[in-house]
Amino acid sequence: MTGTICASASLAILLGREIEPFGGVAAVAGFSAGLLGSVFSTPVATARTLVLVASCILICTLIPAQWTAFLCGFVLVSWAAFDARISGSLATVPALNGLLLYLLIPPDQRTASLVAMFVIAAAVGGVVSTWLRLLGSARRKPMSVKGAVSIWIFLILGLGLTSILAQMIGNQKSYWLSFLFVFRVLAPLEKVPDSALRFGIGVAIGSLVAICLESVGLPHRVLMLLGIASAIVGVHRIGGRTMWTAMFFTIATLLITAPTVEFAVFRIEAAAMVVVLVGGLAFLISWIWERIENRIGV
């Protein structure tokens, strides 16, 4: 299963890079949205969500302005809450991450062929998920109104705050804040702080391991191979303890995309900020519901 997922993703990314300079980014965005989205949803709900996110990506390509990105993000977050309420689907969370990945492409470099690449890669991801019998394996029951509204508030406030923090920091990799935050919503809200803490510890350990490997002075090719190996182990660990999965994916991300001590240290800082933000939001939302329920006598 691990080999099939990694081989399919690698093939999609390599083909995308051969077609266009940013084709690899569009391919990994689409593949992750299609594969992970189908794991957390039904075929029909996943297809609806992918059509919606593909439309948002097309809009961001035709109108490459910041306000369109924020508008599309708002639409996807609202759909995430609505879909969780009516079907229990969480396919919009990987789709939202796919939109964030696509927005890494400079506005003047976004083309219709990249949108098509995203859609094709998403379809491939969905097919791989179905073939491996992962389709709907992590789907939940339809949420209550309270749960759906909580997800909406959590994502709106969290993505808004991480975007503001990223702009204030101005670091080349500050977008990691939003990526690290988005997937925290996959855990039930009452378990989010604990899951986020374990995730943060895993990121910190993975970053320290990457720093040690980078400090030894290994050739770039060796670091790349170690990063790929860590990504494969990370895929194999999905569904297990959050800490170890986060550790291996952090090692892979740093060694493959940013093999410097500076970025490894910043990733630790970003994880710490996300853990604090997630814990604060979870507490705030729980406190608000408690006040509302006390007020109406529930």
Protein backbone atom coordinates (compact mmCIF):
# COMPACT_ATOMS: atom_id res chain seq x y z
CA MET A 1 0.00 0.00 0.00
CA THR A 2 2.80 2.41 0.96
CA GLY A 3 4.73 1.57 -2.19
CA THR A 4 1.68 2.13 -4.42
CA ILE A 5 0.86 5.52 -2.87
CA CYS A 6 4.46 6.76 -3.01
CA ALA A 7 5.06 5.48 -6.55
CA SER A 8 1.80 7.03 -7.83
CA ALA A 9 2.52 10.38 -6.16
CA SER A 10 6.11 10.44 -7.42
CA LEU A 11 5.02 9.63 -10.98
CA ALA A 12 2.35 12.37 -10.94
CA ILE A 13 4.80 14.94 -9.56
CA LEU A 14 7.63 14.03 -11.96
CA LEU A 15 5.31 14.15 -14.98
CA GLY A 16 3.93 17.48 -13.81
CA ARG A 17 7.42 18.96 -13.48
CA GLU A 18 8.31 17.77 -16.96
CA ILE A 19 5.28 19.49 -18.49
CA GLU A 20 5.55 22.86 -16.67
CA PRO A 21 7.95 24.44 -14.14
CA PHE A 22 5.23 24.53 -11.46
CA GLY A 23 3.52 21.37 -12.66
CA GLY A 24 4.91 19.41 -9.72
CA VAL A 25 3.20 21.77 -7.26
CA ALA A 26 -0.16 21.47 -9.05
CA ALA A 27 0.23 17.68 -9.23
CA VAL A 28 1.02 17.17 -5.54
CA ALA A 29 -1.84 19.54 -4.61
CA GLY A 30 -4.32 17.58 -6.72
CA PHE A 31 -3.05 14.11 -5.78
CA SER A 32 -3.16 14.81 -2.04
CA ALA A 33 -6.64 16.35 -2.33
CA GLY A 34 -7.96 13.37 -4.30
CA LEU A 35 -6.32 10.63 -2.23
CA LEU A 36 -6.87 12.02 1.27
CA GLY A 37 -10.26 13.50 0.41
CA SER A 38 -11.64 10.13 -0.64
CA VAL A 39 -10.31 8.50 2.54
CA PHE A 40 -12.41 10.90 4.64
CA SER A 41 -15.52 10.83 2.45
CA THR A 42 -17.84 9.05 0.04
CA PRO A 43 -17.27 9.03 -3.76
CA VAL A 44 -20.14 11.46 -4.39
CA ALA A 45 -19.12 13.90 -1.62
CA THR A 46 -15.47 13.75 -2.73
CA ALA A 47 -16.41 14.46 -6.35
CA ARG A 48 -18.55 17.45 -5.28
CA THR A 49 -15.72 18.83 -3.18
CA LEU A 50 -13.09 18.38 -5.90
CA VAL A 51 -15.31 20.13 -8.45
CA LEU A 52 -15.68 23.01 -5.99
CA VAL A 53 -11.95 23.30 -5.24
CA ALA A 54 -11.09 22.99 -8.96
CA SER A 55 -13.50 25.87 -9.63
CA CYS A 56 -11.81 27.91 -6.90
CA ILE A 57 -8.39 27.17 -8.40
CA LEU A 58 -9.64 28.20 -11.86
CA ILE A 59 -10.94 31.48 -10.39
CA CYS A 60 -7.59 32.12 -8.68
CA THR A 61 -5.91 31.48 -12.05
CA LEU A 62 -8.18 33.76 -14.07
CA ILE A 63 -8.26 36.49 -11.37
CA PRO A 64 -4.89 36.22 -9.55
CA ALA A 65 -5.70 38.67 -6.76
CA GLN A 66 -5.47 38.29 -3.00
CA TRP A 67 -9.16 38.95 -2.47
CA THR A 68 -10.11 36.04 -4.76
CA ALA A 69 -7.87 33.70 -2.74
CA PHE A 70 -9.52 34.82 0.52
CA LEU A 71 -12.99 34.49 -1.03
CA CYS A 72 -12.27 30.97 -2.30
CA GLY A 73 -10.86 30.02 1.10
CA PHE A 74 -14.02 31.32 2.79
CA VAL A 75 -16.22 29.31 0.40
CA LEU A 76 -14.26 26.10 1.01
CA VAL A 77 -14.30 26.55 4.79
CA SER A 78 -18.06 27.13 4.71
CA TRP A 79 -18.53 24.08 2.51
CA ALA A 80 -16.38 22.01 4.91
CA ALA A 81 -18.77 22.79 7.76
CA PHE A 82 -21.88 22.20 5.62
CA ASP A 83 -20.60 18.91 4.19
CA ALA A 84 -19.59 17.65 7.64
CA ARG A 85 -23.12 18.40 8.82
CA ILE A 86 -25.03 16.68 6.02
CA SER A 87 -22.76 13.70 5.23
CA GLY A 88 -19.93 13.54 7.78
CA SER A 89 -17.46 14.13 4.93
CA LEU A 90 -14.15 15.86 5.68
CA ALA A 91 -12.91 15.80 2.08
CA THR A 92 -12.83 19.60 2.06
CA VAL A 93 -9.91 19.69 4.52
CA PRO A 94 -7.41 18.02 2.12
CA ALA A 95 -9.02 20.05 -0.70
CA LEU A 96 -8.40 23.25 1.25
CA ASN A 97 -4.79 22.18 1.72
CA GLY A 98 -4.63 21.58 -2.04
CA LEU A 99 -5.79 25.16 -2.66
CA LEU A 100 -3.11 26.46 -0.28
CA LEU A 101 -0.47 24.44 -2.14
CA TYR A 102 -1.67 25.77 -5.50
CA LEU A 103 -1.53 29.35 -4.24
CA LEU A 104 2.24 28.88 -3.73
CA ILE A 105 2.52 29.21 -7.51
CA PRO A 106 3.24 32.89 -8.38
CA PRO A 107 0.13 34.61 -9.79
CA ASP A 108 1.78 35.35 -13.13
CA GLN A 109 2.74 31.67 -13.55
CA ARG A 110 -0.74 30.17 -13.08
CA THR A 111 -2.13 28.70 -16.30
CA ALA A 112 -5.13 26.67 -17.45
CA SER A 113 -2.86 23.65 -17.99
CA LEU A 114 -1.94 23.73 -14.28
CA VAL A 115 -5.63 23.65 -13.39
CA ALA A 116 -6.07 20.64 -15.68
CA MET A 117 -3.02 19.03 -14.06
CA PHE A 118 -4.57 19.51 -10.62
CA VAL A 119 -7.83 17.86 -11.74
CA ILE A 120 -6.06 14.89 -13.40
CA ALA A 121 -3.80 14.35 -10.36
CA ALA A 122 -6.87 14.52 -8.06
CA ALA A 123 -8.60 11.87 -10.18
CA VAL A 124 -5.49 9.67 -10.01
CA GLY A 125 -5.40 10.09 -6.23
CA GLY A 126 -9.05 9.06 -5.98
CA VAL A 127 -8.49 6.01 -8.18
CA VAL A 128 -5.48 4.93 -6.10
CA SER A 129 -7.52 5.32 -2.92
CA THR A 130 -10.36 3.23 -4.36
CA TRP A 131 -7.98 0.54 -5.65
CA LEU A 132 -6.33 0.24 -2.22
CA ARG A 133 -9.78 0.04 -0.56
CA LEU A 134 -9.13 3.20 1.44
CA LEU A 135 -12.25 4.94 0.12
CA GLY A 136 -14.34 6.18 3.05
CA SER A 137 -12.20 4.31 5.60
CA ALA A 138 -11.95 7.38 7.88
CA ARG A 139 -15.40 8.80 7.20
CA ARG A 140 -17.38 10.00 10.23
CA LYS A 141 -21.06 10.20 11.02
CA PRO A 142 -22.85 13.46 10.08
CA MET A 143 -21.98 16.11 12.65
CA SER A 144 -24.37 18.03 14.85
CA VAL A 145 -25.02 21.70 14.13
CA LYS A 146 -22.76 22.51 17.06
CA GLY A 147 -19.91 20.42 15.65
CA ALA A 148 -20.24 21.87 12.14
CA VAL A 149 -20.33 25.46 13.42
CA SER A 150 -17.32 24.71 15.62
CA ILE A 151 -15.34 23.51 12.59
CA TRP A 152 -16.34 26.64 10.66
CA ILE A 153 -15.21 28.97 13.46
CA PHE A 154 -12.03 26.96 14.04
CA LEU A 155 -10.97 27.09 10.37
CA ILE A 156 -12.02 30.70 9.73
CA LEU A 157 -10.19 32.08 12.78
CA GLY A 158 -7.22 29.74 12.47
CA LEU A 159 -6.54 30.35 8.78
CA GLY A 160 -7.10 34.08 9.25
CA LEU A 161 -4.63 34.27 12.15
CA THR A 162 -1.99 32.08 10.48
CA SER A 163 -2.23 34.22 7.32
CA ILE A 164 -1.71 37.39 9.39
CA LEU A 165 1.22 35.80 11.24
CA ALA A 166 2.78 34.67 7.96
CA GLN A 167 2.58 38.20 6.53
CA MET A 168 4.05 39.68 9.72
CA ILE A 169 6.93 37.18 9.78
CA GLY A 170 7.66 37.59 6.08
CA ASN A 171 9.77 34.42 6.04
CA GLN A 172 10.03 32.51 2.76
CA LYS A 173 8.58 29.45 4.49
CA SER A 174 6.02 31.25 6.67
CA TYR A 175 3.23 29.57 4.68
CA TRP A 176 4.04 26.45 6.73
CA LEU A 177 1.89 27.99 9.47
CA SER A 178 -1.30 27.52 7.44
CA PHE A 179 -0.33 24.03 6.25
CA LEU A 180 0.49 22.86 9.75
CA PHE A 181 -2.82 24.26 11.02
CA VAL A 182 -5.32 22.97 8.44
CA PHE A 183 -5.06 19.26 9.17
CA ARG A 184 -5.55 19.77 12.92
CA VAL A 185 -9.31 19.92 12.26
CA LEU A 186 -9.35 16.23 11.30
CA ALA A 187 -9.28 15.32 15.00
CA PRO A 188 -12.53 15.73 16.99
CA LEU A 189 -12.56 19.21 18.55
CA GLU A 190 -12.27 17.90 22.11
CA LYS A 191 -9.13 15.94 21.10
CA VAL A 192 -7.59 18.70 18.98
CA PRO A 193 -5.29 20.18 21.69
CA ASP A 194 -3.86 16.75 22.59
CA SER A 195 -3.41 15.81 18.93
CA ALA A 196 -1.80 19.19 18.19
CA LEU A 197 0.63 18.80 21.11
CA ARG A 198 1.75 15.36 19.93
CA PHE A 199 2.03 16.77 16.41
CA GLY A 200 4.17 19.69 17.66
CA ILE A 201 6.50 17.35 19.55
CA GLY A 202 6.89 15.22 16.41
CA VAL A 203 7.71 18.30 14.32
CA ALA A 204 10.28 19.44 16.89
CA ILE A 205 11.99 16.02 16.99
CA GLY A 206 11.95 15.75 13.19
CA SER A 207 13.44 19.24 12.84
CA LEU A 208 16.23 18.41 15.30
CA VAL A 209 17.01 15.20 13.38
CA ALA A 210 17.12 17.22 10.14
CA ILE A 211 19.46 19.77 11.76
CA CYS A 212 21.82 16.96 12.82
CA LEU A 213 21.81 15.44 9.32
CA GLU A 214 22.36 18.84 7.68
CA SER A 215 25.19 19.72 10.09
CA VAL A 216 27.18 16.57 9.27
CA GLY A 217 27.91 17.93 5.80
CA LEU A 218 26.33 15.13 3.76
CA PRO A 219 26.06 15.66 -0.02
CA HIS A 220 22.79 17.12 -1.31
CA ARG A 221 21.89 13.87 -3.10
CA VAL A 222 22.27 11.88 0.10
CA LEU A 223 20.02 14.32 1.95
CA MET A 224 17.43 14.01 -0.83
CA LEU A 225 17.50 10.20 -0.61
CA LEU A 226 17.13 10.35 3.19
CA GLY A 227 14.23 12.77 2.73
CA ILE A 228 12.49 10.45 0.26
CA ALA A 229 13.01 7.50 2.60
CA SER A 230 11.50 9.52 5.47
CA ALA A 231 8.49 10.44 3.31
CA ILE A 232 7.91 6.74 2.53
CA VAL A 233 8.07 5.84 6.23
CA GLY A 234 5.75 8.79 6.97
CA VAL A 235 3.17 7.48 4.51
CA HIS A 236 3.47 4.04 6.10
CA ARG A 237 2.83 5.57 9.54
CA ILE A 238 -0.34 7.46 8.52
CA GLY A 239 -3.18 6.40 10.77
CA GLY A 240 -0.83 5.64 13.66
CA ARG A 241 0.53 7.92 16.35
CA THR A 242 0.48 11.55 15.22
CA MET A 243 3.90 12.27 16.73
CA TRP A 244 5.85 9.75 14.64
CA THR A 245 4.00 10.56 11.43
CA ALA A 246 4.73 14.27 11.95
CA MET A 247 8.38 13.51 12.73
CA PHE A 248 9.04 11.57 9.51
CA PHE A 249 7.13 14.02 7.30
CA THR A 250 9.03 16.93 8.88
CA ILE A 251 12.38 15.27 8.13
CA ALA A 252 11.24 14.66 4.55
CA THR A 253 9.92 18.20 4.06
CA LEU A 254 13.09 19.83 5.37
CA LEU A 255 15.61 17.60 3.59
CA ILE A 256 13.79 17.75 0.25
CA THR A 257 12.50 21.35 0.11
CA ALA A 258 14.60 23.36 2.58
CA PRO A 259 17.86 21.65 3.65
CA THR A 260 19.13 24.45 5.92
CA VAL A 261 19.38 24.83 9.67
CA GLU A 262 17.54 28.19 9.45
CA PHE A 263 14.37 26.63 8.02
CA ALA A 264 14.53 23.69 10.43
CA VAL A 265 14.59 26.10 13.39
CA PHE A 266 11.74 28.11 11.87
CA ARG A 267 9.66 24.95 11.45
CA ILE A 268 10.02 24.28 15.18
CA GLU A 269 8.89 27.86 15.86
CA ALA A 270 5.97 27.47 13.43
CA ALA A 271 4.87 24.22 15.10
CA ALA A 272 5.00 25.88 18.52
CA MET A 273 2.86 28.78 17.26
CA VAL A 274 0.33 26.38 15.73
CA VAL A 275 0.10 24.31 18.94
CA VAL A 276 -0.58 27.45 20.99
CA LEU A 277 -3.07 28.73 18.41
CA VAL A 278 -4.92 25.40 18.19
CA GLY A 279 -5.12 25.04 21.96
CA GLY A 280 -6.33 28.62 22.36
CA LEU A 281 -9.01 28.28 19.67
CA ALA A 282 -10.25 24.96 21.01
CA PHE A 283 -10.55 26.47 24.50
CA LEU A 284 -12.26 29.60 23.17
CA ILE A 285 -14.83 27.66 21.13
CA SER A 286 -15.60 25.31 24.03
CA TRP A 287 -15.95 28.29 26.39
CA ILE A 288 -18.32 30.07 23.99
CA TRP A 289 -20.56 26.99 23.64
CA GLU A 290 -20.58 26.52 27.39
CA ARG A 291 -21.71 30.12 27.89
CA ILE A 292 -24.42 29.77 25.22
CA GLU A 293 -25.71 26.50 26.69
CA ASN A 294 -25.76 27.96 30.21
CA ARG A 295 -27.64 31.00 28.93
CA ILE A 296 -30.38 28.95 27.25
CA GLY A 297 -30.44 26.38 30.08
CA VAL A 298 -29.33 23.33 28.08
